[in-house]
Amino acid sequence: MLFDDFKLEMFLRPLAACVLGAVIGWNRELKKHPAGLRTQILVALGSCSFTLSALELTSVMHEQYLQENSDPVRVIAGIVGGIGFLGAGSIIQSGGDVRGVTTAATVWVTGAIGIACGMGAYTLALVTAGLTAFVLIPLGRLEQKYLQDQ
């Protein structure tokens, strides 16, 4: 169980979530966009911790109470809903102009990275973080150069 003995994975998974969340947050900070470094790290870390807690609870329920109907997927669904609410708060509409959608999307994808880290799916987390960085940095520059005025 989680609290009975130290498990290296219980340290590595949140650490990976923080590092990968920082990759996304660093780009946001450099561009002076909302939901920067600390926000992205906390979203990834929180998502990872909730996922780890759900997996641990499922294990405990199965081992101690022989319950097979505990479902960590419900916790993940709750995380996604909560992050959606957080992201919606960053979207602003004024005078027909909508701003903050990319910020909301980065919060959402950072949550997914945290969930992947919590599950121990490091390859998925790394690929997602890498693709997110690609979308934000080179594609962001292309968008700014060629599509901003249209």
N, C-alpha and C. Protein backbone atom coordinates (compact mmCIF):
# COMPACT_ATOMS: atom_id res chain seq x y z
N MET A 1 0.83 -1.19 0.00
CA MET A 1 0.00 0.00 0.00
C MET A 1 0.87 1.26 0.00
N LEU A 2 0.26 2.34 -0.34
CA LEU A 2 0.98 3.60 -0.50
C LEU A 2 1.71 4.03 0.76
N PHE A 3 1.06 3.93 1.91
CA PHE A 3 1.64 4.48 3.13
C PHE A 3 2.42 3.44 3.94
N ASP A 4 2.38 2.16 3.54
CA ASP A 4 3.10 1.13 4.27
C ASP A 4 4.59 1.15 3.99
N ASP A 5 4.97 1.37 2.77
CA ASP A 5 6.38 1.39 2.42
C ASP A 5 6.58 2.36 1.26
N PHE A 6 7.81 2.82 1.18
CA PHE A 6 8.13 3.78 0.13
C PHE A 6 8.20 3.05 -1.21
N LYS A 7 7.51 3.56 -2.17
CA LYS A 7 7.57 3.01 -3.52
C LYS A 7 8.19 4.08 -4.41
N LEU A 8 9.21 3.70 -5.11
CA LEU A 8 9.91 4.64 -5.98
C LEU A 8 8.96 5.25 -7.01
N GLU A 9 8.03 4.46 -7.52
CA GLU A 9 7.08 4.96 -8.51
C GLU A 9 6.21 6.09 -7.94
N MET A 10 5.92 6.04 -6.66
CA MET A 10 5.09 7.08 -6.04
C MET A 10 5.84 8.41 -5.95
N PHE A 11 7.13 8.36 -6.14
CA PHE A 11 7.94 9.57 -6.22
C PHE A 11 8.16 9.97 -7.67
N LEU A 12 8.45 8.99 -8.51
CA LEU A 12 8.78 9.27 -9.91
C LEU A 12 7.59 9.80 -10.71
N ARG A 13 6.43 9.25 -10.48
CA ARG A 13 5.26 9.68 -11.26
C ARG A 13 4.91 11.15 -11.03
N PRO A 14 4.79 11.60 -9.77
CA PRO A 14 4.53 13.04 -9.58
C PRO A 14 5.68 13.92 -10.06
N LEU A 15 6.91 13.44 -9.91
CA LEU A 15 8.06 14.20 -10.40
C LEU A 15 7.99 14.36 -11.92
N ALA A 16 7.67 13.29 -12.62
CA ALA A 16 7.53 13.36 -14.08
C ALA A 16 6.41 14.32 -14.46
N ALA A 17 5.31 14.28 -13.73
CA ALA A 17 4.20 15.20 -14.00
C ALA A 17 4.65 16.66 -13.83
N CYS A 18 5.41 16.93 -12.78
CA CYS A 18 5.89 18.30 -12.55
C CYS A 18 6.84 18.75 -13.65
N VAL A 19 7.76 17.90 -14.04
CA VAL A 19 8.73 18.26 -15.08
C VAL A 19 8.02 18.52 -16.41
N LEU A 20 7.11 17.62 -16.78
CA LEU A 20 6.42 17.79 -18.07
C LEU A 20 5.44 18.96 -18.02
N GLY A 21 4.81 19.20 -16.88
CA GLY A 21 3.96 20.38 -16.73
C GLY A 21 4.77 21.65 -16.85
N ALA A 22 6.01 21.62 -16.34
CA ALA A 22 6.89 22.78 -16.42
C ALA A 22 7.28 23.09 -17.86
N VAL A 23 7.43 22.05 -18.68
CA VAL A 23 7.75 22.27 -20.10
C VAL A 23 6.66 23.12 -20.75
N ILE A 24 5.41 22.77 -20.48
CA ILE A 24 4.28 23.52 -21.05
C ILE A 24 4.21 24.91 -20.42
N GLY A 25 4.34 24.97 -19.11
CA GLY A 25 4.23 26.24 -18.40
C GLY A 25 5.33 27.23 -18.76
N TRP A 26 6.52 26.72 -19.02
CA TRP A 26 7.64 27.60 -19.37
C TRP A 26 7.33 28.37 -20.65
N ASN A 27 6.79 27.68 -21.63
CA ASN A 27 6.40 28.35 -22.88
C ASN A 27 5.36 29.43 -22.61
N ARG A 28 4.40 29.12 -21.77
CA ARG A 28 3.34 30.10 -21.45
C ARG A 28 3.95 31.33 -20.77
N GLU A 29 4.90 31.11 -19.87
CA GLU A 29 5.56 32.22 -19.18
C GLU A 29 6.35 33.09 -20.15
N LEU A 30 7.10 32.45 -21.04
CA LEU A 30 7.91 33.21 -22.00
C LEU A 30 7.06 34.10 -22.88
N LYS A 31 5.87 33.65 -23.20
CA LYS A 31 4.96 34.42 -24.05
C LYS A 31 4.07 35.37 -23.25
N LYS A 32 4.25 35.39 -21.93
CA LYS A 32 3.45 36.25 -21.03
C LYS A 32 1.96 35.93 -21.12
N HIS A 33 1.65 34.65 -21.30
CA HIS A 33 0.25 34.21 -21.34
C HIS A 33 -0.19 33.76 -19.95
N PRO A 34 -1.50 33.80 -19.70
CA PRO A 34 -1.99 33.29 -18.41
C PRO A 34 -1.77 31.78 -18.31
N ALA A 35 -1.98 31.27 -17.13
CA ALA A 35 -1.79 29.84 -16.85
C ALA A 35 -0.38 29.43 -17.21
N GLY A 36 0.57 30.04 -16.51
CA GLY A 36 1.98 29.82 -16.80
C GLY A 36 2.60 28.66 -16.05
N LEU A 37 3.83 28.84 -15.66
CA LEU A 37 4.66 27.77 -15.11
C LEU A 37 4.01 27.09 -13.90
N ARG A 38 3.69 27.85 -12.87
CA ARG A 38 3.14 27.24 -11.66
C ARG A 38 1.79 26.60 -11.90
N THR A 39 0.95 27.25 -12.70
CA THR A 39 -0.38 26.69 -12.97
C THR A 39 -0.27 25.36 -13.68
N GLN A 40 0.54 25.29 -14.72
CA GLN A 40 0.67 24.05 -15.49
C GLN A 40 1.28 22.93 -14.63
N ILE A 41 2.27 23.27 -13.82
CA ILE A 41 2.86 22.27 -12.93
C ILE A 41 1.80 21.75 -11.96
N LEU A 42 1.04 22.65 -11.37
CA LEU A 42 0.03 22.23 -10.39
C LEU A 42 -1.09 21.42 -11.01
N VAL A 43 -1.49 21.76 -12.23
CA VAL A 43 -2.52 20.96 -12.91
C VAL A 43 -2.01 19.55 -13.17
N ALA A 44 -0.78 19.44 -13.67
CA ALA A 44 -0.20 18.11 -13.93
C ALA A 44 -0.02 17.32 -12.64
N LEU A 45 0.50 17.98 -11.61
CA LEU A 45 0.73 17.31 -10.33
C LEU A 45 -0.58 16.88 -9.68
N GLY A 46 -1.56 17.76 -9.69
CA GLY A 46 -2.86 17.41 -9.11
C GLY A 46 -3.52 16.26 -9.85
N SER A 47 -3.46 16.29 -11.15
CA SER A 47 -4.04 15.20 -11.95
C SER A 47 -3.33 13.88 -11.67
N CYS A 48 -2.02 13.95 -11.57
CA CYS A 48 -1.23 12.76 -11.26
C CYS A 48 -1.60 12.22 -9.87
N SER A 49 -1.68 13.10 -8.90
CA SER A 49 -1.97 12.68 -7.53
C SER A 49 -3.37 12.08 -7.41
N PHE A 50 -4.35 12.68 -8.06
CA PHE A 50 -5.69 12.10 -8.05
C PHE A 50 -5.70 10.72 -8.70
N THR A 51 -4.97 10.58 -9.80
CA THR A 51 -4.90 9.29 -10.49
C THR A 51 -4.22 8.25 -9.62
N LEU A 52 -3.10 8.62 -9.00
CA LEU A 52 -2.41 7.69 -8.09
C LEU A 52 -3.31 7.29 -6.93
N SER A 53 -4.03 8.26 -6.38
CA SER A 53 -4.94 7.97 -5.27
C SER A 53 -6.03 7.00 -5.70
N ALA A 54 -6.57 7.21 -6.90
CA ALA A 54 -7.63 6.32 -7.40
C ALA A 54 -7.09 4.91 -7.61
N LEU A 55 -5.90 4.80 -8.18
CA LEU A 55 -5.30 3.48 -8.40
C LEU A 55 -5.00 2.79 -7.07
N GLU A 56 -4.50 3.55 -6.11
CA GLU A 56 -4.19 2.99 -4.79
C GLU A 56 -5.47 2.56 -4.08
N LEU A 57 -6.49 3.39 -4.15
CA LEU A 57 -7.77 3.04 -3.52
C LEU A 57 -8.36 1.78 -4.14
N THR A 58 -8.26 1.66 -5.44
CA THR A 58 -8.74 0.45 -6.11
C THR A 58 -8.00 -0.78 -5.61
N SER A 59 -6.69 -0.64 -5.45
CA SER A 59 -5.88 -1.75 -4.95
C SER A 59 -6.28 -2.12 -3.52
N VAL A 60 -6.46 -1.13 -2.67
CA VAL A 60 -6.85 -1.37 -1.28
C VAL A 60 -8.23 -2.01 -1.21
N MET A 61 -9.16 -1.50 -1.99
CA MET A 61 -10.52 -2.05 -1.98
C MET A 61 -10.51 -3.51 -2.41
N HIS A 62 -9.68 -3.82 -3.37
CA HIS A 62 -9.61 -5.20 -3.85
C HIS A 62 -8.93 -6.11 -2.83
N GLU A 63 -7.81 -5.65 -2.25
CA GLU A 63 -7.05 -6.48 -1.32
C GLU A 63 -7.76 -6.66 0.02
N GLN A 64 -8.26 -5.58 0.59
CA GLN A 64 -8.79 -5.65 1.95
C GLN A 64 -10.27 -6.00 2.00
N TYR A 65 -11.02 -5.58 1.02
CA TYR A 65 -12.46 -5.76 1.08
C TYR A 65 -12.99 -6.66 -0.02
N LEU A 66 -12.08 -7.17 -0.85
CA LEU A 66 -12.44 -8.06 -1.96
C LEU A 66 -13.52 -7.45 -2.86
N GLN A 67 -13.46 -6.14 -2.99
CA GLN A 67 -14.41 -5.44 -3.85
C GLN A 67 -13.77 -5.26 -5.22
N GLU A 68 -14.44 -5.70 -6.21
CA GLU A 68 -13.90 -5.61 -7.57
C GLU A 68 -14.58 -4.51 -8.38
N ASN A 69 -15.52 -3.81 -7.77
CA ASN A 69 -16.27 -2.83 -8.54
C ASN A 69 -15.77 -1.40 -8.34
N SER A 70 -14.63 -1.21 -7.68
CA SER A 70 -14.09 0.15 -7.59
C SER A 70 -13.48 0.51 -8.94
N ASP A 71 -13.70 1.73 -9.36
CA ASP A 71 -13.39 2.10 -10.74
C ASP A 71 -12.59 3.40 -10.79
N PRO A 72 -11.27 3.34 -11.03
CA PRO A 72 -10.47 4.56 -11.10
C PRO A 72 -10.81 5.43 -12.31
N VAL A 73 -11.48 4.87 -13.30
CA VAL A 73 -11.86 5.65 -14.47
C VAL A 73 -12.83 6.77 -14.08
N ARG A 74 -13.64 6.55 -13.08
CA ARG A 74 -14.55 7.60 -12.60
C ARG A 74 -13.78 8.79 -12.06
N VAL A 75 -12.70 8.51 -11.36
CA VAL A 75 -11.87 9.61 -10.84
C VAL A 75 -11.26 10.39 -12.00
N ILE A 76 -10.78 9.68 -13.01
CA ILE A 76 -10.21 10.36 -14.18
C ILE A 76 -11.27 11.22 -14.86
N ALA A 77 -12.49 10.72 -14.97
CA ALA A 77 -13.58 11.52 -15.55
C ALA A 77 -13.82 12.77 -14.72
N GLY A 78 -13.75 12.65 -13.40
CA GLY A 78 -13.91 13.82 -12.53
C GLY A 78 -12.79 14.82 -12.72
N ILE A 79 -11.57 14.33 -12.91
CA ILE A 79 -10.43 15.22 -13.15
C ILE A 79 -10.65 16.01 -14.43
N VAL A 80 -11.05 15.31 -15.48
CA VAL A 80 -11.27 15.97 -16.77
C VAL A 80 -12.35 17.04 -16.65
N GLY A 81 -13.43 16.74 -15.95
CA GLY A 81 -14.50 17.72 -15.75
C GLY A 81 -14.02 18.93 -14.96
N GLY A 82 -13.25 18.68 -13.91
CA GLY A 82 -12.73 19.79 -13.10
C GLY A 82 -11.77 20.67 -13.87
N ILE A 83 -10.93 20.05 -14.66
CA ILE A 83 -9.98 20.83 -15.47
C ILE A 83 -10.73 21.61 -16.55
N GLY A 84 -11.78 21.04 -17.08
CA GLY A 84 -12.61 21.76 -18.05
C GLY A 84 -13.19 23.02 -17.44
N PHE A 85 -13.62 22.92 -16.20
CA PHE A 85 -14.15 24.08 -15.49
C PHE A 85 -13.06 25.13 -15.29
N LEU A 86 -11.88 24.68 -14.91
CA LEU A 86 -10.74 25.58 -14.73
C LEU A 86 -10.39 26.27 -16.04
N GLY A 87 -10.36 25.50 -17.12
CA GLY A 87 -10.05 26.06 -18.44
C GLY A 87 -11.09 27.05 -18.91
N ALA A 88 -12.36 26.74 -18.63
CA ALA A 88 -13.44 27.65 -19.05
C ALA A 88 -13.28 29.02 -18.41
N GLY A 89 -12.72 29.04 -17.21
CA GLY A 89 -12.50 30.32 -16.53
C GLY A 89 -11.45 31.18 -17.21
N SER A 90 -10.63 30.59 -18.05
CA SER A 90 -9.58 31.37 -18.72
C SER A 90 -10.02 31.90 -20.08
N ILE A 91 -11.20 31.51 -20.54
CA ILE A 91 -11.70 31.98 -21.83
C ILE A 91 -12.51 33.26 -21.61
N ILE A 92 -12.14 34.29 -22.35
CA ILE A 92 -12.78 35.60 -22.21
C ILE A 92 -13.34 36.01 -23.56
N GLN A 93 -14.56 36.51 -23.54
CA GLN A 93 -15.15 37.02 -24.78
C GLN A 93 -15.50 38.48 -24.55
N SER A 94 -15.01 39.33 -25.46
CA SER A 94 -15.36 40.74 -25.39
C SER A 94 -15.37 41.32 -26.79
N GLY A 95 -16.43 41.98 -27.12
CA GLY A 95 -16.55 42.63 -28.42
C GLY A 95 -16.40 41.68 -29.59
N GLY A 96 -16.91 40.49 -29.48
CA GLY A 96 -16.82 39.52 -30.56
C GLY A 96 -15.49 38.81 -30.66
N ASP A 97 -14.54 39.18 -29.81
CA ASP A 97 -13.22 38.57 -29.82
C ASP A 97 -13.14 37.57 -28.66
N VAL A 98 -12.75 36.34 -28.98
CA VAL A 98 -12.62 35.30 -27.96
C VAL A 98 -11.13 35.09 -27.70
N ARG A 99 -10.75 35.17 -26.42
CA ARG A 99 -9.34 35.01 -26.04
C ARG A 99 -9.23 33.94 -24.96
N GLY A 100 -8.09 33.29 -24.91
CA GLY A 100 -7.82 32.34 -23.84
C GLY A 100 -8.12 30.89 -24.18
N VAL A 101 -8.51 30.62 -25.41
CA VAL A 101 -8.85 29.24 -25.78
C VAL A 101 -7.59 28.37 -25.76
N THR A 102 -6.48 28.89 -26.24
CA THR A 102 -5.23 28.11 -26.20
C THR A 102 -4.80 27.88 -24.76
N THR A 103 -4.97 28.88 -23.91
CA THR A 103 -4.66 28.71 -22.50
C THR A 103 -5.51 27.60 -21.90
N ALA A 104 -6.80 27.61 -22.19
CA ALA A 104 -7.69 26.56 -21.69
C ALA A 104 -7.26 25.19 -22.20
N ALA A 105 -6.86 25.13 -23.46
CA ALA A 105 -6.42 23.86 -24.04
C ALA A 105 -5.13 23.37 -23.40
N THR A 106 -4.22 24.29 -23.07
CA THR A 106 -2.97 23.85 -22.43
C THR A 106 -3.25 23.32 -21.02
N VAL A 107 -4.16 23.94 -20.31
CA VAL A 107 -4.54 23.44 -18.98
C VAL A 107 -5.13 22.04 -19.11
N TRP A 108 -5.98 21.84 -20.10
CA TRP A 108 -6.63 20.55 -20.33
C TRP A 108 -5.61 19.47 -20.67
N VAL A 109 -4.70 19.77 -21.60
CA VAL A 109 -3.71 18.76 -22.02
C VAL A 109 -2.68 18.51 -20.91
N THR A 110 -2.38 19.51 -20.12
CA THR A 110 -1.47 19.31 -18.99
C THR A 110 -2.11 18.36 -17.97
N GLY A 111 -3.41 18.46 -17.80
CA GLY A 111 -4.11 17.49 -16.95
C GLY A 111 -3.98 16.08 -17.49
N ALA A 112 -4.09 15.94 -18.79
CA ALA A 112 -3.93 14.61 -19.42
C ALA A 112 -2.52 14.07 -19.20
N ILE A 113 -1.53 14.95 -19.27
CA ILE A 113 -0.15 14.54 -19.01
C ILE A 113 -0.01 14.05 -17.57
N GLY A 114 -0.62 14.77 -16.65
CA GLY A 114 -0.59 14.36 -15.24
C GLY A 114 -1.26 13.02 -15.02
N ILE A 115 -2.39 12.79 -15.67
CA ILE A 115 -3.09 11.51 -15.56
C ILE A 115 -2.20 10.39 -16.11
N ALA A 116 -1.57 10.63 -17.25
CA ALA A 116 -0.68 9.61 -17.84
C ALA A 116 0.48 9.30 -16.90
N CYS A 117 1.06 10.32 -16.29
CA CYS A 117 2.14 10.09 -15.33
C CYS A 117 1.63 9.30 -14.13
N GLY A 118 0.45 9.65 -13.65
CA GLY A 118 -0.13 8.94 -12.51
C GLY A 118 -0.35 7.46 -12.80
N MET A 119 -0.64 7.14 -14.04
CA MET A 119 -0.85 5.75 -14.44
C MET A 119 0.47 5.04 -14.74
N GLY A 120 1.56 5.80 -14.78
CA GLY A 120 2.85 5.21 -15.12
C GLY A 120 3.06 5.09 -16.62
N ALA A 121 2.23 5.75 -17.39
CA ALA A 121 2.34 5.72 -18.86
C ALA A 121 3.28 6.83 -19.31
N TYR A 122 4.57 6.67 -18.99
CA TYR A 122 5.55 7.72 -19.25
C TYR A 122 5.71 8.02 -20.74
N THR A 123 5.65 7.02 -21.58
CA THR A 123 5.80 7.26 -23.02
C THR A 123 4.67 8.15 -23.52
N LEU A 124 3.45 7.83 -23.11
CA LEU A 124 2.30 8.66 -23.49
C LEU A 124 2.48 10.08 -22.98
N ALA A 125 2.92 10.23 -21.74
CA ALA A 125 3.12 11.56 -21.16
C ALA A 125 4.19 12.34 -21.92
N LEU A 126 5.31 11.69 -22.24
CA LEU A 126 6.39 12.36 -22.98
C LEU A 126 5.96 12.75 -24.39
N VAL A 127 5.28 11.84 -25.08
CA VAL A 127 4.81 12.15 -26.44
C VAL A 127 3.82 13.30 -26.39
N THR A 128 2.90 13.27 -25.44
CA THR A 128 1.90 14.34 -25.32
C THR A 128 2.56 15.68 -25.01
N ALA A 129 3.52 15.69 -24.09
CA ALA A 129 4.22 16.93 -23.76
C ALA A 129 5.03 17.43 -24.96
N GLY A 130 5.69 16.54 -25.65
CA GLY A 130 6.47 16.93 -26.83
C GLY A 130 5.61 17.51 -27.94
N LEU A 131 4.50 16.85 -28.21
CA LEU A 131 3.58 17.35 -29.24
C LEU A 131 2.96 18.68 -28.83
N THR A 132 2.66 18.81 -27.54
CA THR A 132 2.10 20.08 -27.05
C THR A 132 3.11 21.20 -27.22
N ALA A 133 4.36 20.94 -26.87
CA ALA A 133 5.41 21.94 -27.05
C ALA A 133 5.56 22.30 -28.52
N PHE A 134 5.46 21.32 -29.40
CA PHE A 134 5.55 21.57 -30.84
C PHE A 134 4.39 22.47 -31.31
N VAL A 135 3.20 22.18 -30.82
CA VAL A 135 2.03 22.98 -31.20
C VAL A 135 2.19 24.42 -30.69
N LEU A 136 2.68 24.58 -29.48
CA LEU A 136 2.78 25.91 -28.89
C LEU A 136 3.94 26.73 -29.47
N ILE A 137 5.06 26.10 -29.75
CA ILE A 137 6.24 26.88 -30.13
C ILE A 137 6.34 27.06 -31.65
N PRO A 138 6.72 26.04 -32.44
CA PRO A 138 6.85 26.31 -33.87
C PRO A 138 5.53 26.63 -34.56
N LEU A 139 4.47 25.91 -34.22
CA LEU A 139 3.19 26.22 -34.85
C LEU A 139 2.66 27.57 -34.40
N GLY A 140 2.94 27.93 -33.15
CA GLY A 140 2.55 29.25 -32.67
C GLY A 140 3.23 30.36 -33.45
N ARG A 141 4.51 30.15 -33.76
CA ARG A 141 5.25 31.14 -34.56
C ARG A 141 4.69 31.24 -35.98
N LEU A 142 4.41 30.08 -36.58
CA LEU A 142 3.83 30.08 -37.93
C LEU A 142 2.47 30.77 -37.94
N GLU A 143 1.67 30.48 -36.95
CA GLU A 143 0.35 31.11 -36.85
C GLU A 143 0.48 32.62 -36.72
N GLN A 144 1.41 33.04 -35.87
CA GLN A 144 1.61 34.47 -35.66
C GLN A 144 2.10 35.15 -36.94
N LYS A 145 2.97 34.49 -37.67
CA LYS A 145 3.56 35.09 -38.86
C LYS A 145 2.57 35.14 -40.03
N TYR A 146 1.82 34.07 -40.24
CA TYR A 146 1.02 33.97 -41.46
C TYR A 146 -0.49 34.13 -41.25
N LEU A 147 -0.99 33.89 -40.07
CA LEU A 147 -2.44 33.88 -39.89
C LEU A 147 -2.97 34.94 -38.95
N GLN A 148 -2.09 35.64 -38.25
CA GLN A 148 -2.54 36.59 -37.23
C GLN A 148 -3.38 37.72 -37.80
N ASP A 149 -3.03 38.23 -38.97
CA ASP A 149 -3.73 39.39 -39.52
C ASP A 149 -5.01 39.03 -40.25
N GLN A 150 -5.24 37.76 -40.49
CA GLN A 150 -6.41 37.36 -41.28
C GLN A 150 -7.64 37.23 -40.44
